[in-house]
Amino acid sequence: MTGRAGLAHYPGMEDRSGTAADTVIRRCSALIPQDGALALEDCDIVIRGGLIAEITAPGEGDAARIVEGRGRLAAPGLVNAHTHSPLNVLRGTADGMDHVGFMWANQANTAGSGDEEIAISATLGALDMLRSGITAVTDHYPEQNCAAGNVGPLARAYAGIGMRAAIALRVFDMAYDDIDPAFVDGVDISVERDLGDNPLAPLSVDEIAAVCEEAADAWHGHGGLVAIMPGPSNPIRCSDEMLVRCHGIAAARDLGIHTHLLETRIQRTLAQERHGRTMVAQLDALGILDRRWSCAHTVWVDDDDIALLAERKAVVVHNPHSNAKIGAGVAPVARMLAEGVPVALGTDGASTNDTLSIHEAMSLALLLPRVSGVPRADWPGPAAAFDMATRGGAAAFAGGPRLGVIEPGAAADIVLYDLDAPSLAPLNDPLQQLVFAERGRAVRTVLVAGRIVYEDGGFASADADAAVRAARGMRESRKARNRALYRFAEALEAAQQRAAGA
């Protein structure tokens, strides 16, 4: 049990032990780090200034607000370390597509979005994530090149709801060669001939740098919840100059960098042809591969790549559902964990996953190695999955308050689960049940930075029903706006199906 004396070990925390706390979660059962593992303790969690100040014996905490914790399991908020908010309204639109097909369908469904669409889509996803225990998200945004003016509606939406968000500004200065239909065997269709205006038109390096710097100046730290970071779309779509420039911006401002990395086989092939080495090795040769990077997917890597990622402490964000759904492959996560690579979990976008549940991602992350040839002795277990969903996700934020743990000095991002819920009753093994049995239905209370944002089906600062109503009809209006893109995406999908003999 950690008391007031523990505060001295966390620089920057003010010892206000003589004053009442903002909030106390009274008499809960909490998952607390202890001796390199998680211990279940009955305790009070004392919150001051948005941080966990103390963990005391039950009934000892004094606060202006008491949150009843009896019959509740307190766990760190989950982190969704990779998703795309523009896709939150697109569940049920992409089954059976491969990476090329769904990427163009996403363009048809998102290009030209205005401020209201941006805010509605982000709100819908944030509410869905909060109610299932996700308190922080990395949003790789938008689906096209980012403009500085696009960031405000998104930052305001997250801060207004009370969700912690790292907005990774999606930018690129080269063509999306990896999804050019000309590269798809047997498909006679090309972007230049059949589309006309390409929504994936590159920007210059100077334009990209200006977007990143302007957005960081305006929105980094907004509401105490929003972080901004450069988000190169994928290194294969970016010049070396642009990647180095983005890293310099991040280093100068102490930001993270987020990217897709080696999601598909063709991305590996293109990197080898262009650089004569793997994309991981190329990033390292540029001198920029470090802890700032969080790399979504990272499926098509070899043993040398894994060793480099581990040595440089770059974070891999595993997206098991979307990788499986579009047939991209299974990331070698068991090997990564064994080699010491920091691994987080993401859902990817709702159009390729159809769920924004990190509980489901935890489960599938453990099941896929067990059916893909990993020896039983090397199977990751529930503790590894929970760590990916909490502390691994925290590492992907690359700075800011400490996330993913319940201990003094950490952010008070806490989820209370109902111990009478079928998934947790009786509580035989908290980690196994949180990973394999629970899907978010037992979540009763969610706190972010010490503030209750969700409780017993209701949100403190948002109207879920209004968000749902606003989202209805959005896809139809996009179809009317993006007719040429829809025709292109539909023709591409039909051509791919013919080529595949479907």
Protein backbone atom coordinates (compact mmCIF):
# COMPACT_ATOMS: atom_id res chain seq x y z
CA MET A 1 0.00 0.00 0.00
CA THR A 2 1.40 3.39 -1.00
CA GLY A 3 0.79 6.33 1.31
CA ARG A 4 1.69 10.00 1.44
CA ALA A 5 5.40 9.34 1.74
CA GLY A 6 5.36 7.94 -1.78
CA LEU A 7 4.61 11.34 -3.31
CA ALA A 8 8.20 12.48 -2.91
CA HIS A 9 9.27 9.92 -5.51
CA TYR A 10 7.27 11.56 -8.31
CA PRO A 11 8.88 14.85 -9.46
CA GLY A 12 6.49 17.67 -10.20
CA MET A 13 3.82 16.48 -7.77
CA GLU A 14 2.89 18.92 -5.06
CA ASP A 15 2.48 17.31 -1.64
CA ARG A 16 -0.89 18.63 -0.50
CA SER A 17 -1.37 15.99 2.18
CA GLY A 18 -2.77 18.55 4.58
CA THR A 19 -5.71 19.36 2.30
CA ALA A 20 -8.75 17.41 1.22
CA ALA A 21 -8.53 15.55 -2.07
CA ASP A 22 -10.65 16.43 -5.08
CA THR A 23 -12.06 12.90 -5.23
CA VAL A 24 -11.75 9.61 -3.40
CA ILE A 25 -12.82 6.31 -4.89
CA ARG A 26 -13.86 4.63 -1.66
CA ARG A 27 -13.43 0.92 -0.84
CA CYS A 28 -12.74 -0.39 -4.34
CA SER A 29 -10.78 -3.46 -5.41
CA ALA A 30 -7.91 -2.05 -7.45
CA LEU A 31 -5.31 -3.51 -9.81
CA ILE A 32 -2.09 -1.92 -8.52
CA PRO A 33 1.50 -2.47 -9.78
CA GLN A 34 3.52 -4.37 -7.21
CA ASP A 35 6.89 -6.09 -7.62
CA GLY A 36 6.68 -6.11 -11.41
CA ALA A 37 3.16 -7.56 -11.45
CA LEU A 38 -0.38 -6.46 -10.68
CA ALA A 39 -1.81 -6.99 -7.21
CA LEU A 40 -5.49 -6.81 -6.30
CA GLU A 41 -5.99 -4.64 -3.23
CA ASP A 42 -9.00 -3.30 -1.36
CA CYS A 43 -8.28 0.39 -0.94
CA ASP A 44 -9.24 4.03 -1.39
CA ILE A 45 -7.80 5.86 -4.39
CA VAL A 46 -7.17 9.53 -3.57
CA ILE A 47 -7.16 11.98 -6.49
CA ARG A 48 -5.80 15.53 -6.49
CA GLY A 49 -5.42 17.82 -9.48
CA GLY A 50 -6.21 15.09 -11.98
CA LEU A 51 -3.50 12.76 -10.64
CA ILE A 52 -3.53 9.81 -8.28
CA ALA A 53 -2.13 11.26 -5.06
CA GLU A 54 -2.41 8.34 -2.64
CA ILE A 55 -3.62 4.79 -2.29
CA THR A 56 -4.75 4.24 1.26
CA ALA A 57 -6.46 1.70 3.47
CA PRO A 58 -10.25 1.59 2.97
CA GLY A 59 -12.09 4.47 4.62
CA GLU A 60 -9.03 6.68 5.22
CA GLY A 61 -9.37 9.08 2.29
CA ASP A 62 -11.03 12.48 2.79
CA ALA A 63 -12.36 14.33 -0.24
CA ALA A 64 -14.78 16.89 -1.54
CA ARG A 65 -16.33 14.12 -3.65
CA ILE A 66 -16.68 10.45 -2.79
CA VAL A 67 -17.13 7.86 -5.54
CA GLU A 68 -18.52 4.62 -4.17
CA GLY A 69 -16.15 1.80 -5.06
CA ARG A 70 -17.66 -1.12 -3.15
CA GLY A 71 -18.36 -3.97 -5.53
CA ARG A 72 -16.17 -2.35 -8.18
CA LEU A 73 -12.89 -3.39 -9.77
CA ALA A 74 -10.69 -0.32 -10.45
CA ALA A 75 -8.36 -0.69 -13.42
CA PRO A 76 -6.25 1.75 -15.45
CA GLY A 77 -8.03 3.26 -18.42
CA LEU A 78 -7.35 1.40 -21.66
CA VAL A 79 -5.49 3.08 -24.53
CA ASN A 80 -6.54 2.71 -28.15
CA ALA A 81 -3.18 3.50 -29.73
CA HIS A 82 -4.34 3.56 -33.35
CA THR A 83 -7.62 4.48 -34.97
CA HIS A 84 -9.08 6.92 -37.51
CA SER A 85 -12.01 9.06 -36.34
CA PRO A 86 -13.33 9.83 -39.88
CA LEU A 87 -14.19 6.12 -40.17
CA ASN A 88 -16.33 5.96 -37.02
CA VAL A 89 -19.54 6.22 -39.06
CA LEU A 90 -18.50 3.47 -41.53
CA ARG A 91 -19.14 0.21 -39.72
CA GLY A 92 -20.50 -2.42 -42.04
CA THR A 93 -19.04 -0.95 -45.24
CA ALA A 94 -15.86 -2.89 -46.02
CA ASP A 95 -16.20 -6.63 -45.43
CA GLY A 96 -14.47 -8.80 -48.02
CA MET A 97 -12.20 -6.01 -49.27
CA ASP A 98 -8.44 -6.17 -49.30
CA HIS A 99 -6.19 -3.27 -48.30
CA VAL A 100 -6.31 -1.57 -51.71
CA GLY A 101 -10.10 -1.77 -52.00
CA PHE A 102 -10.92 -0.55 -48.53
CA MET A 103 -8.43 2.32 -48.75
CA TRP A 104 -10.20 3.69 -51.82
CA ALA A 105 -13.62 3.07 -50.28
CA ASN A 106 -12.42 5.13 -47.29
CA GLN A 107 -11.51 7.98 -49.63
CA ALA A 108 -14.99 7.95 -51.13
CA ASN A 109 -16.52 7.95 -47.66
CA THR A 110 -14.42 10.72 -46.11
CA ALA A 111 -13.02 13.17 -48.69
CA GLY A 112 -14.14 16.76 -48.34
CA SER A 113 -15.48 16.43 -44.78
CA GLY A 114 -16.43 19.71 -43.13
CA ASP A 115 -16.12 20.77 -39.51
CA GLU A 116 -19.50 19.36 -38.48
CA GLU A 117 -18.80 15.93 -39.99
CA ILE A 118 -15.37 15.87 -38.34
CA ALA A 119 -16.84 16.64 -34.92
CA ILE A 120 -19.80 14.24 -35.21
CA SER A 121 -17.66 11.32 -36.30
CA ALA A 122 -15.10 11.94 -33.55
CA THR A 123 -17.84 12.30 -30.92
CA LEU A 124 -19.53 9.06 -31.93
CA GLY A 125 -16.28 7.13 -31.64
CA ALA A 126 -15.21 8.77 -28.39
CA LEU A 127 -18.49 7.92 -26.68
CA ASP A 128 -18.25 4.33 -27.87
CA MET A 129 -14.70 4.02 -26.57
CA LEU A 130 -15.36 5.65 -23.20
CA ARG A 131 -18.28 3.37 -22.42
CA SER A 132 -16.03 0.33 -22.97
CA GLY A 133 -13.21 1.57 -20.73
CA ILE A 134 -10.94 3.36 -23.23
CA THR A 135 -9.78 6.67 -21.78
CA ALA A 136 -7.10 7.66 -24.31
CA VAL A 137 -6.79 7.36 -28.08
CA THR A 138 -4.29 8.04 -30.84
CA ASP A 139 -6.28 9.33 -33.80
CA HIS A 140 -4.39 9.17 -37.13
CA TYR A 141 -6.27 11.89 -38.92
CA PRO A 142 -7.61 12.56 -41.54
CA GLU A 143 -7.70 10.07 -44.45
CA GLN A 144 -6.14 12.65 -46.77
CA ASN A 145 -3.30 15.13 -46.22
CA CYS A 146 -4.00 17.13 -43.08
CA ALA A 147 -4.61 20.87 -43.18
CA ALA A 148 -4.06 22.94 -40.05
CA GLY A 149 -7.65 24.18 -40.22
CA ASN A 150 -8.95 20.61 -39.91
CA VAL A 151 -7.55 20.12 -36.42
CA GLY A 152 -9.69 22.50 -34.35
CA PRO A 153 -13.03 20.68 -34.68
CA LEU A 154 -11.37 17.41 -33.69
CA ALA A 155 -9.44 18.82 -30.72
CA ARG A 156 -12.52 20.62 -29.40
CA ALA A 157 -14.63 17.47 -29.72
CA TYR A 158 -12.26 15.32 -27.68
CA ALA A 159 -11.63 17.96 -25.02
CA GLY A 160 -15.34 18.76 -24.75
CA ILE A 161 -16.22 15.11 -24.12
CA GLY A 162 -13.33 14.76 -21.68
CA MET A 163 -11.35 12.08 -23.52
CA ARG A 164 -7.58 12.09 -23.73
CA ALA A 165 -6.45 12.16 -27.38
CA ALA A 166 -3.21 12.28 -29.33
CA ILE A 167 -4.03 13.67 -32.77
CA ALA A 168 -1.48 12.38 -35.28
CA LEU A 169 -1.56 14.69 -38.30
CA ARG A 170 -1.61 12.45 -41.34
CA VAL A 171 0.83 13.88 -43.91
CA PHE A 172 2.68 12.64 -47.00
CA ASP A 173 4.71 14.12 -49.85
CA MET A 174 4.82 11.13 -52.22
CA ALA A 175 2.29 9.01 -54.06
CA TYR A 176 0.33 6.17 -52.43
CA ASP A 177 2.05 3.64 -54.68
CA ASP A 178 1.12 0.78 -52.39
CA ILE A 179 -2.59 1.21 -53.20
CA ASP A 180 -2.28 2.21 -56.86
CA PRO A 181 -4.53 -0.29 -58.68
CA ALA A 182 -1.84 -0.54 -61.36
CA PHE A 183 0.14 -2.59 -58.84
CA VAL A 184 -2.70 -5.06 -58.32
CA ASP A 185 -2.25 -8.18 -60.45
CA GLY A 186 -4.99 -8.65 -63.03
CA VAL A 187 -6.70 -5.30 -62.40
CA ASP A 188 -6.82 -2.96 -65.41
CA ILE A 189 -7.65 0.33 -63.74
CA SER A 190 -5.51 3.34 -62.79
CA VAL A 191 -5.92 6.39 -60.60
CA GLU A 192 -4.76 8.81 -63.26
CA ARG A 193 -7.08 7.50 -65.97
CA ASP A 194 -10.24 6.78 -64.05
CA LEU A 195 -10.39 9.23 -61.17
CA GLY A 196 -9.27 12.65 -62.31
CA ASP A 197 -8.83 14.69 -59.13
CA ASN A 198 -6.90 12.54 -56.68
CA PRO A 199 -7.77 13.11 -52.97
CA LEU A 200 -4.37 11.68 -52.11
CA ALA A 201 -2.40 14.43 -53.79
CA PRO A 202 0.93 15.00 -52.00
CA LEU A 203 2.00 18.22 -50.30
CA SER A 204 5.50 19.69 -50.28
CA VAL A 205 7.80 19.16 -47.31
CA ASP A 206 7.56 22.87 -46.41
CA GLU A 207 3.76 22.74 -46.52
CA ILE A 208 3.75 19.68 -44.27
CA ALA A 209 6.12 21.27 -41.77
CA ALA A 210 3.93 24.37 -41.62
CA VAL A 211 0.82 22.28 -40.95
CA CYS A 212 2.50 20.37 -38.12
CA GLU A 213 3.95 23.45 -36.48
CA GLU A 214 0.80 25.53 -36.77
CA ALA A 215 -1.39 22.77 -35.38
CA ALA A 216 1.00 22.05 -32.51
CA ASP A 217 1.13 25.76 -31.61
CA ALA A 218 -2.65 26.05 -31.63
CA TRP A 219 -3.85 22.75 -30.14
CA HIS A 220 -1.13 20.85 -28.26
CA GLY A 221 -2.25 20.75 -24.64
CA HIS A 222 -5.80 21.91 -25.44
CA GLY A 223 -8.05 21.34 -22.45
CA GLY A 224 -5.21 19.51 -20.73
CA LEU A 225 -6.20 16.44 -22.76
CA VAL A 226 -5.10 16.89 -26.39
CA ALA A 227 -1.64 16.15 -27.77
CA ILE A 228 -0.52 16.87 -31.32
CA MET A 229 2.09 14.87 -33.19
CA PRO A 230 3.32 14.53 -36.77
CA GLY A 231 1.74 11.48 -38.38
CA PRO A 232 3.51 10.46 -41.58
CA SER A 233 0.90 8.37 -43.39
CA ASN A 234 3.40 5.59 -44.05
CA PRO A 235 7.16 5.92 -44.62
CA ILE A 236 6.72 4.36 -48.06
CA ARG A 237 4.55 7.38 -48.98
CA CYS A 238 7.07 9.89 -47.64
CA SER A 239 10.47 11.13 -48.75
CA ASP A 240 13.47 10.80 -46.49
CA GLU A 241 13.56 14.59 -46.27
CA MET A 242 9.99 14.72 -45.01
CA LEU A 243 10.53 11.98 -42.43
CA VAL A 244 13.63 13.71 -41.07
CA ARG A 245 11.77 17.04 -40.97
CA CYS A 246 8.85 15.53 -39.04
CA HIS A 247 11.24 13.94 -36.57
CA GLY A 248 12.98 17.27 -36.07
CA ILE A 249 9.67 18.99 -35.33
CA ALA A 250 8.76 16.27 -32.84
CA ALA A 251 12.16 16.36 -31.13
CA ALA A 252 12.18 20.15 -30.85
CA ARG A 253 8.74 20.18 -29.23
CA ASP A 254 8.97 16.86 -27.35
CA LEU A 255 6.15 15.27 -29.35
CA GLY A 256 5.53 11.73 -30.50
CA ILE A 257 5.42 10.57 -34.13
CA HIS A 258 2.78 8.14 -35.38
CA THR A 259 2.73 6.19 -38.63
CA HIS A 260 1.53 3.11 -40.44
CA LEU A 261 4.48 0.78 -40.95
CA LEU A 262 4.72 -2.33 -43.14
CA GLU A 263 1.05 -3.16 -42.96
CA THR A 264 1.06 -5.06 -46.26
CA ARG A 265 3.43 -7.25 -48.24
CA ILE A 266 3.67 -4.74 -51.11
CA GLN A 267 4.90 -2.05 -48.71
CA ARG A 268 7.81 -4.30 -47.79
CA THR A 269 8.56 -4.94 -51.48
CA LEU A 270 8.43 -1.24 -52.39
CA ALA A 271 10.76 -0.31 -49.52
CA GLN A 272 13.30 -2.92 -50.58
CA GLU A 273 13.18 -1.74 -54.19
CA ARG A 274 13.47 1.95 -53.26
CA HIS A 275 16.06 1.80 -50.48
CA GLY A 276 17.77 -1.56 -50.86
CA ARG A 277 16.88 -2.32 -47.25
CA THR A 278 13.82 -2.78 -45.08
CA MET A 279 11.78 0.27 -44.07
CA VAL A 280 12.77 -0.20 -40.42
CA ALA A 281 16.43 -0.27 -41.42
CA GLN A 282 15.91 2.83 -43.56
CA LEU A 283 14.40 4.80 -40.67
CA ASP A 284 17.37 3.76 -38.56
CA ALA A 285 19.85 4.70 -41.28
CA LEU A 286 18.29 8.17 -41.30
CA GLY A 287 19.06 8.41 -37.58
CA ILE A 288 15.44 8.97 -36.60
CA LEU A 289 14.20 5.61 -35.28
CA ASP A 290 13.65 6.13 -31.56
CA ARG A 291 11.13 6.05 -28.71
CA ARG A 292 9.08 8.86 -30.27
CA TRP A 293 7.76 6.55 -32.98
CA SER A 294 4.58 4.54 -32.60
CA CYS A 295 4.17 2.29 -35.61
CA ALA A 296 0.76 0.87 -36.44
CA HIS A 297 0.50 -2.68 -37.81
CA THR A 298 4.20 -3.58 -38.37
CA VAL A 299 3.24 -6.94 -39.83
CA TRP A 300 5.87 -7.52 -42.52
CA VAL A 301 9.07 -7.32 -40.46
CA ASP A 302 11.99 -9.72 -40.10
CA ASP A 303 14.12 -10.66 -37.12
CA ASP A 304 16.63 -7.85 -37.78
CA ASP A 305 13.76 -5.34 -37.89
CA ILE A 306 12.45 -6.61 -34.57
CA ALA A 307 15.89 -6.32 -33.00
CA LEU A 308 16.19 -2.71 -34.22
CA LEU A 309 12.72 -1.79 -32.94
CA ALA A 310 13.60 -3.25 -29.55
CA GLU A 311 16.97 -1.50 -29.37
CA ARG A 312 15.52 1.89 -30.33
CA LYS A 313 12.42 1.46 -28.13
CA ALA A 314 10.07 2.34 -30.97
CA VAL A 315 6.51 1.28 -30.11
CA VAL A 316 4.65 -1.21 -32.29
CA VAL A 317 0.86 -0.79 -32.29
CA HIS A 318 -0.72 -4.17 -32.94
CA ASN A 319 -4.10 -4.08 -34.73
CA PRO A 320 -5.15 -7.74 -34.78
CA HIS A 321 -8.74 -7.28 -35.95
CA SER A 322 -8.17 -5.08 -38.98
CA ASN A 323 -5.08 -7.04 -40.06
CA ALA A 324 -7.14 -10.22 -40.00
CA LYS A 325 -10.25 -8.75 -41.60
CA ILE A 326 -8.50 -7.42 -44.71
CA GLY A 327 -6.09 -10.36 -44.91
CA ALA A 328 -2.97 -8.27 -44.34
CA GLY A 329 -1.33 -10.90 -42.15
CA VAL A 330 -0.52 -11.62 -38.51
CA ALA A 331 2.09 -9.44 -36.83
CA PRO A 332 4.82 -11.48 -35.05
CA VAL A 333 3.87 -10.05 -31.67
CA ALA A 334 5.08 -13.04 -29.64
CA ARG A 335 8.60 -12.55 -31.06
CA MET A 336 8.40 -8.81 -30.52
CA LEU A 337 7.47 -9.21 -26.87
CA ALA A 338 10.18 -11.81 -26.34
CA GLU A 339 12.76 -9.42 -27.81
CA GLY A 340 11.61 -6.49 -25.67
CA VAL A 341 9.78 -4.39 -28.28
CA PRO A 342 7.25 -2.06 -26.61
CA VAL A 343 3.86 -3.14 -27.97
CA ALA A 344 0.55 -1.30 -27.74
CA LEU A 345 -2.90 -2.19 -29.07
CA GLY A 346 -5.15 -0.43 -31.55
CA THR A 347 -8.50 -1.07 -33.13
CA ASP A 348 -7.74 0.66 -36.44
CA GLY A 349 -10.70 2.35 -38.09
CA ALA A 350 -14.28 1.21 -37.71
CA SER A 351 -14.58 0.45 -41.43
CA THR A 352 -12.03 -2.38 -41.19
CA ASN A 353 -12.79 -3.56 -37.70
CA ASP A 354 -16.43 -2.65 -37.01
CA THR A 355 -15.60 -2.40 -33.33
CA LEU A 356 -13.62 0.08 -31.26
CA SER A 357 -13.11 -2.38 -28.41
CA ILE A 358 -9.66 -2.81 -26.88
CA HIS A 359 -11.08 -5.65 -24.79
CA GLU A 360 -11.63 -7.55 -28.02
CA ALA A 361 -8.18 -6.55 -29.28
CA MET A 362 -6.60 -7.94 -26.11
CA SER A 363 -8.32 -11.27 -26.59
CA LEU A 364 -7.51 -11.62 -30.28
CA ALA A 365 -3.89 -10.53 -29.73
CA LEU A 366 -3.48 -13.63 -27.55
CA LEU A 367 -5.48 -16.00 -29.72
CA LEU A 368 -3.82 -15.33 -33.08
CA PRO A 369 -0.35 -16.56 -32.05
CA ARG A 370 -1.93 -19.76 -30.75
CA VAL A 371 -3.36 -20.63 -34.18
CA SER A 372 -0.44 -19.37 -36.28
CA GLY A 373 2.31 -21.75 -35.27
CA VAL A 374 3.78 -20.10 -32.16
CA PRO A 375 4.92 -22.85 -29.74
CA ARG A 376 2.78 -23.11 -26.63
CA ALA A 377 5.72 -22.24 -24.40
CA ASP A 378 5.96 -18.87 -26.19
CA TRP A 379 2.29 -17.90 -26.11
CA PRO A 380 1.78 -14.45 -24.55
CA GLY A 381 -0.67 -14.50 -21.64
CA PRO A 382 -3.31 -12.18 -20.19
CA ALA A 383 -0.77 -10.09 -18.27
CA ALA A 384 1.02 -9.30 -21.55
CA ALA A 385 -2.24 -8.37 -23.27
CA PHE A 386 -3.32 -6.08 -20.43
CA ASP A 387 0.11 -4.45 -20.43
CA MET A 388 -0.17 -3.79 -24.18
CA ALA A 389 -3.59 -2.19 -23.63
CA THR A 390 -2.39 0.06 -20.80
CA ARG A 391 1.32 0.75 -20.34
CA GLY A 392 2.08 -0.14 -23.96
CA GLY A 393 -0.50 2.39 -25.10
CA ALA A 394 0.96 4.93 -22.69
CA ALA A 395 4.38 4.52 -24.32
CA ALA A 396 2.78 5.29 -27.69
CA PHE A 397 1.77 8.73 -26.34
CA ALA A 398 5.50 9.54 -26.03
CA GLY A 399 5.27 12.04 -23.19
CA GLY A 400 2.64 13.84 -21.16
CA PRO A 401 1.14 12.48 -17.95
CA ARG A 402 1.89 8.91 -16.92
CA LEU A 403 -0.89 6.63 -18.16
CA GLY A 404 -1.75 2.96 -17.85
CA VAL A 405 -1.18 2.35 -14.13
CA ILE A 406 -2.87 2.93 -10.80
CA GLU A 407 -0.15 4.36 -8.59
CA PRO A 408 0.75 7.74 -7.10
CA GLY A 409 1.86 10.26 -9.68
CA ALA A 410 -0.06 8.67 -12.53
CA ALA A 411 -2.97 10.30 -14.33
CA ALA A 412 -6.29 9.52 -12.67
CA ASP A 413 -7.62 7.77 -15.79
CA ILE A 414 -9.52 5.00 -14.04
CA VAL A 415 -12.27 2.57 -15.02
CA LEU A 416 -14.61 0.97 -12.48
CA TYR A 417 -16.04 -2.41 -13.49
CA ASP A 418 -19.06 -4.00 -11.81
CA LEU A 419 -17.95 -7.12 -9.96
CA ASP A 420 -21.51 -8.43 -10.13
CA ALA A 421 -21.44 -8.43 -13.95
CA PRO A 422 -21.53 -11.94 -15.48
CA SER A 423 -18.07 -11.52 -17.02
CA LEU A 424 -16.49 -10.87 -13.61
CA ALA A 425 -18.64 -12.87 -11.21
CA PRO A 426 -17.16 -14.69 -9.49
CA LEU A 427 -13.77 -13.01 -9.77
CA ASN A 428 -11.46 -15.98 -10.21
CA ASP A 429 -8.63 -14.28 -12.10
CA PRO A 430 -9.01 -10.54 -12.81
CA LEU A 431 -6.63 -10.41 -15.77
CA GLN A 432 -7.95 -13.51 -17.50
CA GLN A 433 -11.50 -12.27 -17.13
CA LEU A 434 -10.75 -8.71 -18.26
CA VAL A 435 -9.00 -10.08 -21.35
CA PHE A 436 -11.08 -13.11 -22.33
CA ALA A 437 -14.50 -12.58 -20.73
CA GLU A 438 -15.15 -8.85 -20.49
CA ARG A 439 -16.08 -6.74 -23.54
CA GLY A 440 -16.87 -3.44 -21.82
CA ARG A 441 -20.37 -4.32 -20.66
CA ALA A 442 -19.26 -4.33 -17.02
CA VAL A 443 -17.95 -0.73 -17.18
CA ARG A 444 -19.92 1.45 -14.76
CA THR A 445 -17.76 4.55 -14.18
CA VAL A 446 -14.95 6.14 -16.19
CA LEU A 447 -12.70 8.92 -14.93
CA VAL A 448 -10.26 10.88 -17.10
CA ALA A 449 -7.83 13.20 -15.31
CA GLY A 450 -9.87 12.61 -12.15
CA ARG A 451 -13.15 13.77 -13.68
CA ILE A 452 -16.10 11.45 -14.14
CA VAL A 453 -16.94 11.43 -17.84
CA TYR A 454 -19.18 8.35 -17.94
CA GLU A 455 -21.30 6.77 -15.24
CA ASP A 456 -24.08 4.16 -15.31
CA GLY A 457 -24.89 4.65 -18.99
CA GLY A 458 -24.71 8.45 -19.05
CA PHE A 459 -22.07 10.90 -20.23
CA ALA A 460 -21.15 14.02 -18.30
CA SER A 461 -20.58 16.30 -21.30
CA ALA A 462 -22.18 14.71 -24.35
CA ASP A 463 -25.54 13.53 -25.62
CA ALA A 464 -25.04 10.08 -27.15
CA ASP A 465 -28.50 10.01 -28.73
CA ALA A 466 -27.88 13.35 -30.42
CA ALA A 467 -24.56 12.11 -31.82
CA VAL A 468 -26.26 9.05 -33.28
CA ARG A 469 -29.02 11.15 -34.84
CA ALA A 470 -26.48 13.52 -36.36
CA ALA A 471 -24.49 10.62 -37.86
CA ARG A 472 -27.49 9.16 -39.67
CA GLY A 473 -27.50 10.16 -43.30
CA MET A 474 -23.87 11.29 -43.26
CA ARG A 475 -22.76 8.59 -45.66
CA GLU A 476 -25.49 9.41 -48.13
CA SER A 477 -24.48 13.07 -48.19
CA ARG A 478 -20.88 12.01 -48.79
CA LYS A 479 -21.98 9.83 -51.68
CA ALA A 480 -23.69 12.81 -53.26
CA ARG A 481 -20.56 14.92 -52.75
CA ASN A 482 -17.98 12.33 -53.86
CA ARG A 483 -19.71 10.69 -56.82
CA ALA A 484 -16.53 10.25 -58.87
CA LEU A 485 -14.70 8.68 -55.95
CA TYR A 486 -17.57 6.28 -55.28
CA ARG A 487 -17.67 5.23 -58.94
CA PHE A 488 -13.92 4.67 -58.88
CA ALA A 489 -13.99 2.65 -55.65
CA GLU A 490 -16.90 0.51 -56.86
CA ALA A 491 -15.23 -0.14 -60.24
CA LEU A 492 -12.00 -1.09 -58.48
CA GLU A 493 -13.76 -3.52 -56.14
CA ALA A 494 -15.61 -5.13 -59.07
CA ALA A 495 -12.36 -5.46 -61.04
CA GLN A 496 -10.60 -7.04 -58.07
CA GLN A 497 -13.40 -9.53 -57.58
CA ARG A 498 -13.26 -10.49 -61.26
CA ALA A 499 -9.47 -10.87 -61.10
CA ALA A 500 -9.83 -13.07 -58.03
CA GLY A 501 -12.48 -15.19 -59.71
CA ALA A 502 -15.10 -14.21 -57.14
